[in-house]
Amino acid sequence: MTLTLIVISILFLGFQSFPVSLGSDLKSGTAHSLQVVFTLGGLQVLMLWLGLFLGDKFLYLAGSYGNIILFVGFLLIGLRILIDTFAIRKGERTFNLDDSKSILLASTAQSINSLLAGILFSLFSIGHLIYFGFLAIATLIFSALGAWLKLGKSSLAFASFIYLIGGIFIIAISFYFGFFSDKL
């Protein structure tokens, strides 16, 4: 059950690249779109690695507070995703992907949740390669899909709907790991 919940939460983390890559128009600027897709994927995995590294170094001190840390951490991730839902729905695009610096900035901003998730995932005794593999595949697929689709009301509505589902799901697993799971 724990591994399934982690994999599903990784899929929702990977989906965060979708709205960022919307509008990079894969059909007209293939090289630019590929740069967006691979930068998004690379930074997601890098931030997850950094989170796992930090978690491995410091969360051994958590002791019996691991469930509380999981609850608060996943709750914060879920709430952040829910807040982003409304901004996406309104069509507020805060990222301009015209040059490499702005792509790097947008990729870093959207991968902050992966950093926090990596810290939290270090509490589980699951191989790190599983996290990297699922997140890399999910991010590459969703960001390529976003680059392929046109920026419009329907694509923004789809993105905000998936964000809403993801935020609710991650909040639900925060309660599961915080109060019902004893597998740490």
N, C-alpha and C. Protein backbone atom coordinates (compact mmCIF):
# COMPACT_ATOMS: atom_id res chain seq x y z
N MET A 1 0.83 -1.20 0.00
CA MET A 1 0.00 0.00 0.00
C MET A 1 0.87 1.26 0.00
N THR A 2 1.92 1.24 0.81
CA THR A 2 2.79 2.41 0.91
C THR A 2 3.46 2.72 -0.42
N LEU A 3 3.99 1.70 -1.07
CA LEU A 3 4.66 1.92 -2.36
C LEU A 3 3.67 2.45 -3.40
N THR A 4 2.46 1.93 -3.41
CA THR A 4 1.45 2.40 -4.35
C THR A 4 1.13 3.87 -4.13
N LEU A 5 0.97 4.27 -2.88
CA LEU A 5 0.69 5.68 -2.58
C LEU A 5 1.85 6.58 -2.96
N ILE A 6 3.06 6.11 -2.75
CA ILE A 6 4.24 6.89 -3.11
C ILE A 6 4.33 7.05 -4.62
N VAL A 7 4.09 5.97 -5.36
CA VAL A 7 4.16 6.05 -6.83
C VAL A 7 3.09 7.00 -7.37
N ILE A 8 1.89 6.92 -6.83
CA ILE A 8 0.83 7.83 -7.29
C ILE A 8 1.17 9.27 -6.94
N SER A 9 1.72 9.51 -5.77
CA SER A 9 2.11 10.89 -5.43
C SER A 9 3.25 11.37 -6.32
N ILE A 10 4.14 10.49 -6.73
CA ILE A 10 5.21 10.86 -7.67
C ILE A 10 4.61 11.23 -9.02
N LEU A 11 3.58 10.51 -9.45
CA LEU A 11 2.92 10.85 -10.71
C LEU A 11 2.32 12.26 -10.65
N PHE A 12 1.72 12.60 -9.53
CA PHE A 12 1.17 13.95 -9.40
C PHE A 12 2.29 15.00 -9.33
N LEU A 13 3.42 14.66 -8.73
CA LEU A 13 4.55 15.58 -8.74
C LEU A 13 5.07 15.78 -10.16
N GLY A 14 5.09 14.71 -10.93
CA GLY A 14 5.52 14.80 -12.32
C GLY A 14 4.57 15.63 -13.16
N PHE A 15 3.29 15.60 -12.81
CA PHE A 15 2.31 16.36 -13.57
C PHE A 15 2.49 17.87 -13.40
N GLN A 16 3.19 18.30 -12.38
CA GLN A 16 3.40 19.73 -12.17
C GLN A 16 4.14 20.39 -13.32
N SER A 17 4.82 19.61 -14.11
CA SER A 17 5.53 20.17 -15.26
C SER A 17 4.59 20.48 -16.42
N PHE A 18 3.40 19.92 -16.42
CA PHE A 18 2.46 20.10 -17.52
C PHE A 18 2.09 21.57 -17.75
N PRO A 19 1.59 22.30 -16.74
CA PRO A 19 1.21 23.70 -17.02
C PRO A 19 2.40 24.60 -17.35
N VAL A 20 3.58 24.26 -16.83
CA VAL A 20 4.76 25.07 -17.14
C VAL A 20 5.13 24.93 -18.61
N SER A 21 5.01 23.72 -19.13
CA SER A 21 5.40 23.48 -20.52
C SER A 21 4.30 23.84 -21.52
N LEU A 22 3.10 24.13 -21.05
CA LEU A 22 2.02 24.53 -21.96
C LEU A 22 2.43 25.76 -22.75
N GLY A 23 2.17 25.73 -23.99
CA GLY A 23 2.45 26.90 -24.81
C GLY A 23 3.86 26.98 -25.36
N SER A 24 4.71 26.00 -25.08
CA SER A 24 6.04 26.08 -25.68
C SER A 24 6.02 25.58 -27.12
N ASP A 25 4.89 25.09 -27.58
CA ASP A 25 4.58 24.77 -28.98
C ASP A 25 5.65 23.90 -29.64
N LEU A 26 5.55 22.62 -29.37
CA LEU A 26 6.48 21.63 -29.90
C LEU A 26 6.53 21.63 -31.42
N LYS A 27 5.42 21.95 -32.07
CA LYS A 27 5.36 21.88 -33.53
C LYS A 27 6.16 22.98 -34.22
N SER A 28 6.21 24.17 -33.62
CA SER A 28 6.92 25.26 -34.28
C SER A 28 8.38 25.39 -33.85
N GLY A 29 8.68 25.12 -32.60
CA GLY A 29 10.05 25.23 -32.12
C GLY A 29 10.49 23.96 -31.42
N THR A 30 10.86 22.95 -32.18
CA THR A 30 11.17 21.65 -31.60
C THR A 30 12.36 21.71 -30.65
N ALA A 31 13.41 22.39 -31.04
CA ALA A 31 14.61 22.46 -30.19
C ALA A 31 14.30 23.16 -28.87
N HIS A 32 13.56 24.26 -28.95
CA HIS A 32 13.20 25.00 -27.74
C HIS A 32 12.29 24.15 -26.85
N SER A 33 11.34 23.47 -27.43
CA SER A 33 10.43 22.63 -26.65
C SER A 33 11.16 21.47 -26.00
N LEU A 34 12.10 20.87 -26.71
CA LEU A 34 12.88 19.79 -26.12
C LEU A 34 13.74 20.30 -24.97
N GLN A 35 14.25 21.52 -25.11
CA GLN A 35 15.00 22.13 -24.01
C GLN A 35 14.11 22.30 -22.79
N VAL A 36 12.87 22.76 -22.99
CA VAL A 36 11.92 22.92 -21.89
C VAL A 36 11.63 21.57 -21.24
N VAL A 37 11.33 20.56 -22.06
CA VAL A 37 10.95 19.25 -21.54
C VAL A 37 12.09 18.63 -20.74
N PHE A 38 13.30 18.65 -21.27
CA PHE A 38 14.41 18.00 -20.58
C PHE A 38 14.92 18.81 -19.38
N THR A 39 14.78 20.13 -19.43
CA THR A 39 15.13 20.93 -18.26
C THR A 39 14.15 20.68 -17.13
N LEU A 40 12.86 20.63 -17.46
CA LEU A 40 11.85 20.31 -16.45
C LEU A 40 12.11 18.94 -15.83
N GLY A 41 12.35 17.94 -16.66
CA GLY A 41 12.60 16.60 -16.16
C GLY A 41 13.88 16.51 -15.35
N GLY A 42 14.93 17.13 -15.84
CA GLY A 42 16.21 17.07 -15.14
C GLY A 42 16.18 17.75 -13.79
N LEU A 43 15.54 18.90 -13.72
CA LEU A 43 15.49 19.61 -12.43
C LEU A 43 14.56 18.92 -11.44
N GLN A 44 13.49 18.30 -11.92
CA GLN A 44 12.63 17.53 -11.02
C GLN A 44 13.44 16.42 -10.35
N VAL A 45 14.19 15.68 -11.15
CA VAL A 45 14.98 14.56 -10.63
C VAL A 45 16.11 15.09 -9.74
N LEU A 46 16.74 16.18 -10.13
CA LEU A 46 17.81 16.76 -9.31
C LEU A 46 17.28 17.22 -7.96
N MET A 47 16.13 17.86 -7.95
CA MET A 47 15.56 18.33 -6.67
C MET A 47 15.12 17.14 -5.81
N LEU A 48 14.60 16.09 -6.44
CA LEU A 48 14.25 14.89 -5.68
C LEU A 48 15.50 14.28 -5.07
N TRP A 49 16.58 14.21 -5.86
CA TRP A 49 17.83 13.68 -5.33
C TRP A 49 18.33 14.52 -4.16
N LEU A 50 18.28 15.84 -4.30
CA LEU A 50 18.72 16.72 -3.22
C LEU A 50 17.88 16.50 -1.97
N GLY A 51 16.57 16.35 -2.15
CA GLY A 51 15.70 16.09 -1.01
C GLY A 51 16.01 14.76 -0.34
N LEU A 52 16.23 13.72 -1.15
CA LEU A 52 16.59 12.42 -0.58
C LEU A 52 17.93 12.48 0.15
N PHE A 53 18.87 13.21 -0.43
CA PHE A 53 20.18 13.37 0.21
C PHE A 53 20.04 14.07 1.56
N LEU A 54 19.31 15.17 1.59
CA LEU A 54 19.12 15.91 2.84
C LEU A 54 18.34 15.08 3.86
N GLY A 55 17.32 14.39 3.38
CA GLY A 55 16.53 13.55 4.28
C GLY A 55 17.35 12.43 4.88
N ASP A 56 18.18 11.80 4.06
CA ASP A 56 19.04 10.72 4.56
C ASP A 56 20.02 11.23 5.59
N LYS A 57 20.47 12.48 5.43
CA LYS A 57 21.46 13.04 6.36
C LYS A 57 20.85 13.49 7.69
N PHE A 58 19.58 13.95 7.67
CA PHE A 58 19.03 14.57 8.87
C PHE A 58 17.80 13.90 9.46
N LEU A 59 17.02 13.18 8.67
CA LEU A 59 15.77 12.66 9.21
C LEU A 59 15.93 11.40 10.05
N TYR A 60 17.13 10.89 10.17
CA TYR A 60 17.33 9.79 11.11
C TYR A 60 17.10 10.30 12.53
N LEU A 61 17.18 11.61 12.71
CA LEU A 61 16.94 12.22 14.02
C LEU A 61 15.46 12.27 14.38
N ALA A 62 14.59 12.00 13.41
CA ALA A 62 13.15 12.12 13.64
C ALA A 62 12.65 11.11 14.66
N GLY A 63 13.24 9.95 14.67
CA GLY A 63 12.83 8.92 15.62
C GLY A 63 11.35 8.60 15.52
N SER A 64 10.65 8.74 16.62
CA SER A 64 9.23 8.39 16.65
C SER A 64 8.34 9.49 16.08
N TYR A 65 8.93 10.59 15.64
CA TYR A 65 8.15 11.70 15.07
C TYR A 65 8.01 11.61 13.55
N GLY A 66 8.41 10.50 12.97
CA GLY A 66 8.37 10.34 11.52
C GLY A 66 6.97 10.51 10.94
N ASN A 67 5.97 9.96 11.62
CA ASN A 67 4.61 10.09 11.11
C ASN A 67 4.12 11.53 11.14
N ILE A 68 4.51 12.27 12.14
CA ILE A 68 4.12 13.69 12.22
C ILE A 68 4.81 14.48 11.11
N ILE A 69 6.06 14.18 10.87
CA ILE A 69 6.80 14.85 9.80
C ILE A 69 6.16 14.54 8.45
N LEU A 70 5.80 13.28 8.23
CA LEU A 70 5.12 12.91 6.98
C LEU A 70 3.79 13.64 6.84
N PHE A 71 3.04 13.71 7.91
CA PHE A 71 1.74 14.38 7.86
C PHE A 71 1.90 15.85 7.48
N VAL A 72 2.76 16.56 8.19
CA VAL A 72 2.94 17.99 7.93
C VAL A 72 3.53 18.23 6.54
N GLY A 73 4.52 17.44 6.16
CA GLY A 73 5.16 17.62 4.87
C GLY A 73 4.22 17.38 3.70
N PHE A 74 3.52 16.25 3.70
CA PHE A 74 2.59 15.98 2.61
C PHE A 74 1.40 16.93 2.63
N LEU A 75 0.99 17.37 3.81
CA LEU A 75 -0.08 18.36 3.90
C LEU A 75 0.35 19.67 3.24
N LEU A 76 1.57 20.10 3.49
CA LEU A 76 2.08 21.33 2.86
C LEU A 76 2.17 21.20 1.34
N ILE A 77 2.64 20.04 0.87
CA ILE A 77 2.71 19.82 -0.58
C ILE A 77 1.31 19.86 -1.19
N GLY A 78 0.37 19.16 -0.57
CA GLY A 78 -1.00 19.13 -1.07
C GLY A 78 -1.65 20.50 -1.08
N LEU A 79 -1.43 21.28 -0.02
CA LEU A 79 -2.01 22.62 0.03
C LEU A 79 -1.39 23.53 -1.03
N ARG A 80 -0.09 23.40 -1.24
CA ARG A 80 0.56 24.21 -2.28
C ARG A 80 0.01 23.87 -3.66
N ILE A 81 -0.22 22.60 -3.91
CA ILE A 81 -0.78 22.20 -5.20
C ILE A 81 -2.21 22.72 -5.34
N LEU A 82 -2.99 22.67 -4.26
CA LEU A 82 -4.36 23.20 -4.32
C LEU A 82 -4.37 24.70 -4.58
N ILE A 83 -3.46 25.42 -3.99
CA ILE A 83 -3.39 26.87 -4.23
C ILE A 83 -3.01 27.15 -5.67
N ASP A 84 -2.10 26.35 -6.22
CA ASP A 84 -1.73 26.51 -7.63
C ASP A 84 -2.88 26.20 -8.57
N THR A 85 -3.82 25.37 -8.13
CA THR A 85 -4.98 25.02 -8.95
C THR A 85 -5.74 26.27 -9.39
N PHE A 86 -5.93 27.18 -8.47
CA PHE A 86 -6.72 28.37 -8.78
C PHE A 86 -5.98 29.32 -9.71
N ALA A 87 -4.67 29.41 -9.55
CA ALA A 87 -3.89 30.26 -10.45
C ALA A 87 -3.88 29.70 -11.87
N ILE A 88 -3.80 28.40 -11.99
CA ILE A 88 -3.81 27.77 -13.32
C ILE A 88 -5.18 27.94 -13.96
N ARG A 89 -6.21 27.77 -13.19
CA ARG A 89 -7.59 27.87 -13.71
C ARG A 89 -7.86 29.27 -14.27
N LYS A 90 -7.33 30.29 -13.61
CA LYS A 90 -7.53 31.67 -14.08
C LYS A 90 -6.70 31.97 -15.32
N GLY A 91 -5.77 31.12 -15.64
CA GLY A 91 -4.90 31.35 -16.78
C GLY A 91 -3.73 32.24 -16.46
N GLU A 92 -3.45 32.41 -15.20
CA GLU A 92 -2.31 33.23 -14.80
C GLU A 92 -1.04 32.43 -15.06
N ARG A 93 -0.32 32.83 -16.06
CA ARG A 93 0.94 32.17 -16.37
C ARG A 93 2.06 33.07 -15.87
N THR A 94 2.75 32.58 -14.88
CA THR A 94 3.83 33.38 -14.30
C THR A 94 5.18 33.08 -14.91
N PHE A 95 5.23 32.14 -15.83
CA PHE A 95 6.51 31.75 -16.39
C PHE A 95 6.59 32.14 -17.87
N ASN A 96 7.67 32.78 -18.21
CA ASN A 96 7.98 33.14 -19.59
C ASN A 96 9.14 32.25 -20.01
N LEU A 97 8.94 31.44 -21.02
CA LEU A 97 9.94 30.44 -21.41
C LEU A 97 10.69 30.83 -22.67
N ASP A 98 11.05 32.11 -22.79
CA ASP A 98 11.71 32.59 -24.01
C ASP A 98 13.19 32.27 -24.09
N ASP A 99 13.88 32.26 -22.95
CA ASP A 99 15.32 32.00 -22.98
C ASP A 99 15.68 30.94 -21.94
N SER A 100 16.93 30.53 -21.95
CA SER A 100 17.38 29.45 -21.08
C SER A 100 17.28 29.80 -19.60
N LYS A 101 17.55 31.05 -19.26
CA LYS A 101 17.48 31.47 -17.86
C LYS A 101 16.05 31.37 -17.33
N SER A 102 15.09 31.79 -18.12
CA SER A 102 13.70 31.73 -17.66
C SER A 102 13.20 30.29 -17.59
N ILE A 103 13.68 29.43 -18.48
CA ILE A 103 13.32 28.01 -18.42
C ILE A 103 13.88 27.40 -17.14
N LEU A 104 15.12 27.73 -16.81
CA LEU A 104 15.76 27.22 -15.61
C LEU A 104 15.03 27.72 -14.35
N LEU A 105 14.66 28.99 -14.35
CA LEU A 105 13.94 29.55 -13.21
C LEU A 105 12.57 28.89 -13.04
N ALA A 106 11.83 28.73 -14.13
CA ALA A 106 10.51 28.10 -14.06
C ALA A 106 10.63 26.65 -13.62
N SER A 107 11.63 25.95 -14.11
CA SER A 107 11.83 24.55 -13.74
C SER A 107 12.18 24.42 -12.28
N THR A 108 12.99 25.31 -11.78
CA THR A 108 13.37 25.29 -10.37
C THR A 108 12.16 25.58 -9.49
N ALA A 109 11.38 26.58 -9.87
CA ALA A 109 10.20 26.95 -9.07
C ALA A 109 9.19 25.82 -8.99
N GLN A 110 8.95 25.13 -10.09
CA GLN A 110 7.94 24.07 -10.07
C GLN A 110 8.46 22.79 -9.44
N SER A 111 9.76 22.67 -9.20
CA SER A 111 10.29 21.43 -8.64
C SER A 111 10.53 21.51 -7.13
N ILE A 112 10.10 22.59 -6.49
CA ILE A 112 10.29 22.73 -5.05
C ILE A 112 9.53 21.62 -4.30
N ASN A 113 8.35 21.27 -4.79
CA ASN A 113 7.60 20.18 -4.13
C ASN A 113 8.36 18.86 -4.20
N SER A 114 9.12 18.65 -5.27
CA SER A 114 9.91 17.42 -5.38
C SER A 114 11.03 17.40 -4.34
N LEU A 115 11.58 18.56 -4.03
CA LEU A 115 12.59 18.65 -2.98
C LEU A 115 12.00 18.23 -1.64
N LEU A 116 10.86 18.79 -1.30
CA LEU A 116 10.22 18.45 -0.03
C LEU A 116 9.79 16.98 -0.02
N ALA A 117 9.26 16.49 -1.14
CA ALA A 117 8.86 15.08 -1.22
C ALA A 117 10.07 14.17 -1.06
N GLY A 118 11.20 14.55 -1.63
CA GLY A 118 12.41 13.74 -1.47
C GLY A 118 12.84 13.64 -0.02
N ILE A 119 12.74 14.74 0.70
CA ILE A 119 13.06 14.71 2.13
C ILE A 119 12.14 13.73 2.85
N LEU A 120 10.86 13.79 2.51
CA LEU A 120 9.89 12.90 3.15
C LEU A 120 10.08 11.45 2.74
N PHE A 121 10.38 11.21 1.46
CA PHE A 121 10.56 9.84 0.97
C PHE A 121 11.75 9.15 1.62
N SER A 122 12.69 9.92 2.14
CA SER A 122 13.86 9.31 2.78
C SER A 122 13.47 8.57 4.06
N LEU A 123 12.28 8.82 4.57
CA LEU A 123 11.82 8.10 5.76
C LEU A 123 11.41 6.66 5.46
N PHE A 124 11.17 6.36 4.19
CA PHE A 124 10.77 5.02 3.80
C PHE A 124 11.98 4.20 3.38
N SER A 125 11.91 2.92 3.58
CA SER A 125 13.03 2.05 3.20
C SER A 125 12.78 1.45 1.82
N ILE A 126 12.67 2.34 0.84
CA ILE A 126 12.46 1.95 -0.55
C ILE A 126 13.66 2.46 -1.34
N GLY A 127 14.10 1.69 -2.32
CA GLY A 127 15.25 2.09 -3.12
C GLY A 127 15.04 3.41 -3.84
N HIS A 128 16.04 4.25 -3.82
CA HIS A 128 15.92 5.59 -4.41
C HIS A 128 15.73 5.56 -5.92
N LEU A 129 16.24 4.53 -6.58
CA LEU A 129 16.11 4.46 -8.03
C LEU A 129 14.65 4.36 -8.47
N ILE A 130 13.80 3.78 -7.64
CA ILE A 130 12.38 3.72 -7.96
C ILE A 130 11.80 5.12 -8.04
N TYR A 131 12.17 5.97 -7.08
CA TYR A 131 11.68 7.35 -7.08
C TYR A 131 12.14 8.09 -8.34
N PHE A 132 13.45 7.97 -8.62
CA PHE A 132 14.00 8.68 -9.78
C PHE A 132 13.36 8.23 -11.08
N GLY A 133 13.21 6.93 -11.24
CA GLY A 133 12.66 6.40 -12.47
C GLY A 133 11.23 6.85 -12.71
N PHE A 134 10.39 6.70 -11.71
CA PHE A 134 8.99 7.10 -11.88
C PHE A 134 8.85 8.61 -12.09
N LEU A 135 9.62 9.40 -11.35
CA LEU A 135 9.51 10.86 -11.50
C LEU A 135 10.04 11.30 -12.86
N ALA A 136 11.14 10.75 -13.31
CA ALA A 136 11.70 11.13 -14.61
C ALA A 136 10.73 10.79 -15.73
N ILE A 137 10.17 9.59 -15.71
CA ILE A 137 9.23 9.19 -16.76
C ILE A 137 7.98 10.06 -16.73
N ALA A 138 7.42 10.26 -15.54
CA ALA A 138 6.20 11.07 -15.42
C ALA A 138 6.44 12.50 -15.88
N THR A 139 7.53 13.10 -15.45
CA THR A 139 7.81 14.48 -15.82
C THR A 139 8.03 14.62 -17.31
N LEU A 140 8.79 13.72 -17.90
CA LEU A 140 9.04 13.80 -19.34
C LEU A 140 7.75 13.62 -20.14
N ILE A 141 6.91 12.70 -19.74
CA ILE A 141 5.65 12.48 -20.45
C ILE A 141 4.74 13.69 -20.33
N PHE A 142 4.55 14.18 -19.11
CA PHE A 142 3.62 15.29 -18.90
C PHE A 142 4.13 16.61 -19.49
N SER A 143 5.42 16.85 -19.42
CA SER A 143 5.94 18.08 -20.00
C SER A 143 5.93 18.01 -21.52
N ALA A 144 6.17 16.84 -22.10
CA ALA A 144 6.06 16.69 -23.55
C ALA A 144 4.62 16.86 -24.00
N LEU A 145 3.68 16.34 -23.23
CA LEU A 145 2.27 16.53 -23.53
C LEU A 145 1.89 18.01 -23.47
N GLY A 146 2.40 18.71 -22.46
CA GLY A 146 2.14 20.14 -22.35
C GLY A 146 2.75 20.93 -23.50
N ALA A 147 3.93 20.53 -23.94
CA ALA A 147 4.56 21.21 -25.07
C ALA A 147 3.83 20.93 -26.37
N TRP A 148 3.21 19.77 -26.47
CA TRP A 148 2.50 19.38 -27.69
C TRP A 148 1.14 20.07 -27.79
N LEU A 149 0.46 20.24 -26.65
CA LEU A 149 -0.87 20.86 -26.65
C LEU A 149 -0.76 22.38 -26.77
N LYS A 150 -1.80 22.97 -27.28
CA LYS A 150 -1.86 24.42 -27.37
C LYS A 150 -2.33 24.99 -26.04
N LEU A 151 -1.81 26.16 -25.72
CA LEU A 151 -2.25 26.86 -24.53
C LEU A 151 -3.64 27.43 -24.81
N GLY A 152 -4.60 27.00 -24.03
CA GLY A 152 -5.97 27.46 -24.21
C GLY A 152 -6.79 27.16 -22.96
N LYS A 153 -8.06 27.54 -23.02
CA LYS A 153 -8.92 27.34 -21.86
C LYS A 153 -9.10 25.87 -21.52
N SER A 154 -9.21 25.02 -22.53
CA SER A 154 -9.42 23.60 -22.25
C SER A 154 -8.18 22.96 -21.64
N SER A 155 -7.00 23.31 -22.11
CA SER A 155 -5.78 22.74 -21.54
C SER A 155 -5.53 23.27 -20.12
N LEU A 156 -5.87 24.53 -19.88
CA LEU A 156 -5.74 25.07 -18.53
C LEU A 156 -6.77 24.45 -17.58
N ALA A 157 -7.98 24.22 -18.08
CA ALA A 157 -9.01 23.57 -17.26
C ALA A 157 -8.59 22.14 -16.91
N PHE A 158 -8.02 21.43 -17.90
CA PHE A 158 -7.54 20.07 -17.66
C PHE A 158 -6.43 20.08 -16.61
N ALA A 159 -5.48 21.00 -16.76
CA ALA A 159 -4.37 21.08 -15.80
C ALA A 159 -4.86 21.41 -14.40
N SER A 160 -5.80 22.35 -14.29
CA SER A 160 -6.28 22.71 -12.96
C SER A 160 -7.09 21.57 -12.34
N PHE A 161 -7.81 20.80 -13.16
CA PHE A 161 -8.56 19.66 -12.65
C PHE A 161 -7.62 18.60 -12.10
N ILE A 162 -6.56 18.29 -12.84
CA ILE A 162 -5.59 17.29 -12.36
C ILE A 162 -4.88 17.81 -11.12
N TYR A 163 -4.57 19.10 -11.07
CA TYR A 163 -3.97 19.69 -9.88
C TYR A 163 -4.90 19.53 -8.68
N LEU A 164 -6.18 19.78 -8.90
CA LEU A 164 -7.16 19.65 -7.82
C LEU A 164 -7.19 18.22 -7.29
N ILE A 165 -7.26 17.26 -8.19
CA ILE A 165 -7.25 15.84 -7.79
C ILE A 165 -5.95 15.51 -7.07
N GLY A 166 -4.82 15.97 -7.62
CA GLY A 166 -3.52 15.69 -7.00
C GLY A 166 -3.40 16.30 -5.62
N GLY A 167 -3.84 17.54 -5.45
CA GLY A 167 -3.78 18.18 -4.14
C GLY A 167 -4.62 17.46 -3.11
N ILE A 168 -5.84 17.09 -3.50
CA ILE A 168 -6.72 16.36 -2.58
C ILE A 168 -6.11 15.00 -2.24
N PHE A 169 -5.58 14.32 -3.25
CA PHE A 169 -4.98 13.01 -3.01
C PHE A 169 -3.79 13.12 -2.06
N ILE A 170 -2.92 14.09 -2.28
CA ILE A 170 -1.73 14.21 -1.44
C ILE A 170 -2.11 14.61 -0.02
N ILE A 171 -3.13 15.41 0.15
CA ILE A 171 -3.61 15.72 1.50
C ILE A 171 -4.17 14.46 2.16
N ALA A 172 -4.89 13.64 1.38
CA ALA A 172 -5.42 12.39 1.93
C ALA A 172 -4.29 11.46 2.37
N ILE A 173 -3.23 11.36 1.56
CA ILE A 173 -2.14 10.47 1.98
C ILE A 173 -1.37 11.06 3.15
N SER A 174 -1.42 12.39 3.32
CA SER A 174 -0.78 12.96 4.50
C SER A 174 -1.48 12.46 5.76
N PHE A 175 -2.81 12.37 5.72
CA PHE A 175 -3.54 11.83 6.87
C PHE A 175 -3.26 10.34 7.05
N TYR A 176 -3.16 9.61 5.93
CA TYR A 176 -2.87 8.18 6.03
C TYR A 176 -1.50 7.96 6.67
N PHE A 177 -0.46 8.60 6.12
CA PHE A 177 0.89 8.41 6.68
C PHE A 177 1.01 8.99 8.08
N GLY A 178 0.26 10.05 8.37
CA GLY A 178 0.37 10.69 9.68
C GLY A 178 -0.34 9.95 10.79
N PHE A 179 -1.49 9.34 10.47
CA PHE A 179 -2.30 8.79 11.56
C PHE A 179 -2.64 7.32 11.44
N PHE A 180 -2.53 6.72 10.26
CA PHE A 180 -2.98 5.35 10.08
C PHE A 180 -1.87 4.37 9.71
N SER A 181 -0.78 4.86 9.19
CA SER A 181 0.30 3.98 8.75
C SER A 181 1.30 3.80 9.88
N ASP A 182 1.76 2.58 10.02
CA ASP A 182 2.80 2.31 11.01
C ASP A 182 4.04 1.69 10.36
N LYS A 183 4.17 1.86 9.05
CA LYS A 183 5.27 1.24 8.30
C LYS A 183 6.34 2.28 7.99
N LEU A 184 7.08 2.65 8.97
CA LEU A 184 8.23 3.53 8.76
C LEU A 184 9.50 2.83 9.15
